[in-house]
C-alpha atoms as a PDB file:
ATOM      1  CA  MET A   1      12.521  -2.655 -11.347  1.00  0.00           C
ATOM      2  CA  ALA A   2      11.763   0.863 -10.698  1.00  0.00           C
ATOM      3  CA  VAL A   3       8.053   1.211  -9.377  1.00  0.00           C
ATOM      4  CA  SER A   4       6.250   4.882 -10.548  1.00  0.00           C
ATOM      5  CA  ASN A   5       4.154   6.310  -8.234  1.00  0.00           C
ATOM      6  CA  GLU A   6       1.074   6.014 -10.393  1.00  0.00           C
ATOM      7  CA  GLU A   7       1.685   2.305 -11.087  1.00  0.00           C
ATOM      8  CA  ALA A   8       2.199   1.514  -7.522  1.00  0.00           C
ATOM      9  CA  LEU A   9      -1.053   3.330  -6.476  1.00  0.00           C
ATOM     10  CA  ALA A  10      -2.497   1.487  -8.604  1.00  0.00           C
ATOM     11  CA  GLY A  11      -1.235  -2.017  -7.819  1.00  0.00           C
ATOM     12  CA  LEU A  12      -1.839  -1.235  -4.411  1.00  0.00           C
ATOM     13  CA  ALA A  13      -5.446   0.139  -4.725  1.00  0.00           C
ATOM     14  CA  GLU A  14      -6.032  -3.280  -6.536  1.00  0.00           C
ATOM     15  CA  LEU A  15      -4.616  -4.779  -3.159  1.00  0.00           C
ATOM     16  CA  ILE A  16      -6.871  -3.292  -0.914  1.00  0.00           C
ATOM     17  CA  ASN A  17      -9.780  -3.645  -3.259  1.00  0.00           C
ATOM     18  CA  GLU A  18      -8.846  -7.654  -3.031  1.00  0.00           C
ATOM     19  CA  GLU A  19      -8.581  -7.358   0.482  1.00  0.00           C
ATOM     20  CA  THR A  20     -11.665  -5.260   1.954  1.00  0.00           C
ATOM     21  CA  GLY A  21     -13.945  -4.794  -0.805  1.00  0.00           C
ATOM     22  CA  ILE A  22     -12.700  -1.289  -0.962  1.00  0.00           C
ATOM     23  CA  ALA A  23     -13.458  -0.251  -4.493  1.00  0.00           C
ATOM     24  CA  ALA A  24      -9.944   0.802  -5.979  1.00  0.00           C
ATOM     25  CA  ASP A  25     -10.982   4.275  -7.662  1.00  0.00           C
ATOM     26  CA  THR A  26     -11.808   5.533  -4.112  1.00  0.00           C
ATOM     27  CA  VAL A  27      -8.352   4.433  -2.922  1.00  0.00           C
ATOM     28  CA  THR A  28      -6.220   8.116  -3.556  1.00  0.00           C
ATOM     29  CA  PRO A  29      -3.022   8.771  -1.634  1.00  0.00           C
ATOM     30  CA  GLU A  30      -4.151  11.625   0.511  1.00  0.00           C
ATOM     31  CA  LYS A  31      -6.564   9.111   2.210  1.00  0.00           C
ATOM     32  CA  SER A  32      -5.310   7.326   5.969  1.00  0.00           C
ATOM     33  CA  PHE A  33      -5.349   3.328   5.973  1.00  0.00           C
ATOM     34  CA  THR A  34      -7.573   3.281   9.334  1.00  0.00           C
ATOM     35  CA  ASP A  35      -9.261   6.729   9.539  1.00  0.00           C
ATOM     36  CA  ASP A  36     -10.800   6.600   5.985  1.00  0.00           C
ATOM     37  CA  LEU A  37     -10.378   2.887   4.559  1.00  0.00           C
ATOM     38  CA  ASP A  38     -11.198   1.224   7.920  1.00  0.00           C
ATOM     39  CA  ILE A  39      -8.303  -1.192   7.429  1.00  0.00           C
ATOM     40  CA  ASP A  40      -7.172  -3.004  10.744  1.00  0.00           C
ATOM     41  CA  SER A  41      -3.899  -4.259  11.779  1.00  0.00           C
ATOM     42  CA  ILE A  42      -4.501  -8.209  10.376  1.00  0.00           C
ATOM     43  CA  SER A  43      -5.851  -6.705   7.116  1.00  0.00           C
ATOM     44  CA  MET A  44      -2.908  -3.780   6.341  1.00  0.00           C
ATOM     45  CA  MET A  45      -0.227  -7.006   7.414  1.00  0.00           C
ATOM     46  CA  THR A  46      -2.270  -8.676   4.304  1.00  0.00           C
ATOM     47  CA  ILE A  47      -1.722  -5.947   2.657  1.00  0.00           C
ATOM     48  CA  VAL A  48       1.740  -5.530   3.093  1.00  0.00           C
ATOM     49  CA  VAL A  49       2.873  -9.333   3.126  1.00  0.00           C
ATOM     50  CA  ASN A  50       0.945  -9.263  -0.742  1.00  0.00           C
ATOM     51  CA  ALA A  51       2.230  -5.722  -2.373  1.00  0.00           C
ATOM     52  CA  GLU A  52       5.778  -6.818  -0.950  1.00  0.00           C
ATOM     53  CA  GLU A  53       5.256  -9.839  -3.612  1.00  0.00           C
ATOM     54  CA  LYS A  54       3.574  -7.851  -6.073  1.00  0.00           C
ATOM     55  CA  PHE A  55       6.205  -5.003  -6.229  1.00  0.00           C
ATOM     56  CA  ASP A  56       9.456  -7.016  -5.629  1.00  0.00           C
ATOM     57  CA  VAL A  57      10.299  -5.158  -2.536  1.00  0.00           C
ATOM     58  CA  LYS A  58      10.456  -5.663   1.793  1.00  0.00           C
ATOM     59  CA  ILE A  59       8.830  -3.591   4.098  1.00  0.00           C
ATOM     60  CA  PRO A  60      10.007  -4.180   7.676  1.00  0.00           C
ATOM     61  CA  ASP A  61       7.586  -4.695  10.228  1.00  0.00           C
ATOM     62  CA  ASP A  62       9.041  -1.350  11.830  1.00  0.00           C
ATOM     63  CA  GLU A  63       8.281   0.349   8.511  1.00  0.00           C
ATOM     64  CA  VAL A  64       4.304  -0.422   8.529  1.00  0.00           C
ATOM     65  CA  PRO A  65       3.467   1.843  11.506  1.00  0.00           C
ATOM     66  CA  ASN A  66       4.885   4.399   9.057  1.00  0.00           C
ATOM     67  CA  LEU A  67       2.902   4.091   6.618  1.00  0.00           C
ATOM     68  CA  VAL A  68      -0.307   6.203   7.195  1.00  0.00           C
ATOM     69  CA  THR A  69      -1.853   7.438   4.550  1.00  0.00           C
ATOM     70  CA  VAL A  70      -2.051   5.014   1.050  1.00  0.00           C
ATOM     71  CA  GLY A  71       0.572   8.002  -0.192  1.00  0.00           C
ATOM     72  CA  ASP A  72       2.649   7.123   2.485  1.00  0.00           C
ATOM     73  CA  ALA A  73       2.924   3.526   1.154  1.00  0.00           C
ATOM     74  CA  VAL A  74       3.086   4.437  -2.647  1.00  0.00           C
ATOM     75  CA  ASN A  75       6.113   6.649  -2.172  1.00  0.00           C
ATOM     76  CA  TYR A  76       7.675   4.078   0.346  1.00  0.00           C
ATOM     77  CA  ILE A  77       6.807   1.546  -2.722  1.00  0.00           C
ATOM     78  CA  ALA A  78       8.462   3.450  -5.792  1.00  0.00           C
ATOM     79  CA  LYS A  79      11.490   4.333  -3.418  1.00  0.00           C
ATOM     80  CA  ALA A  80      12.225   0.600  -2.535  1.00  0.00           C
ATOM     81  CA  SER A  81      11.364  -0.551  -5.786  1.00  0.00           C
ATOM     82  CA  ALA A  82      13.978   2.104  -7.137  1.00  0.00           C
ATOM     83  CA  GLU A  83      17.383   0.986  -4.633  1.00  0.00           C
END
């Protein structure tokens, strides 16, 4: 089932909030996971696994370093869910 960018952003913000305590309404597409949200690699992997389950997509481990911003992840999830 295809996920819109808005749905992916809302769901990802929720997952980030659950993992880190960062307020979901501060998670925006231009935010960097490491620089702006201070998410470390362990938390990032947890978020990736939870996102895979939530959106029924596969995010290969070698793709994770390419997900620099929230927007990168949103676009990846939306694209992967449409395939």
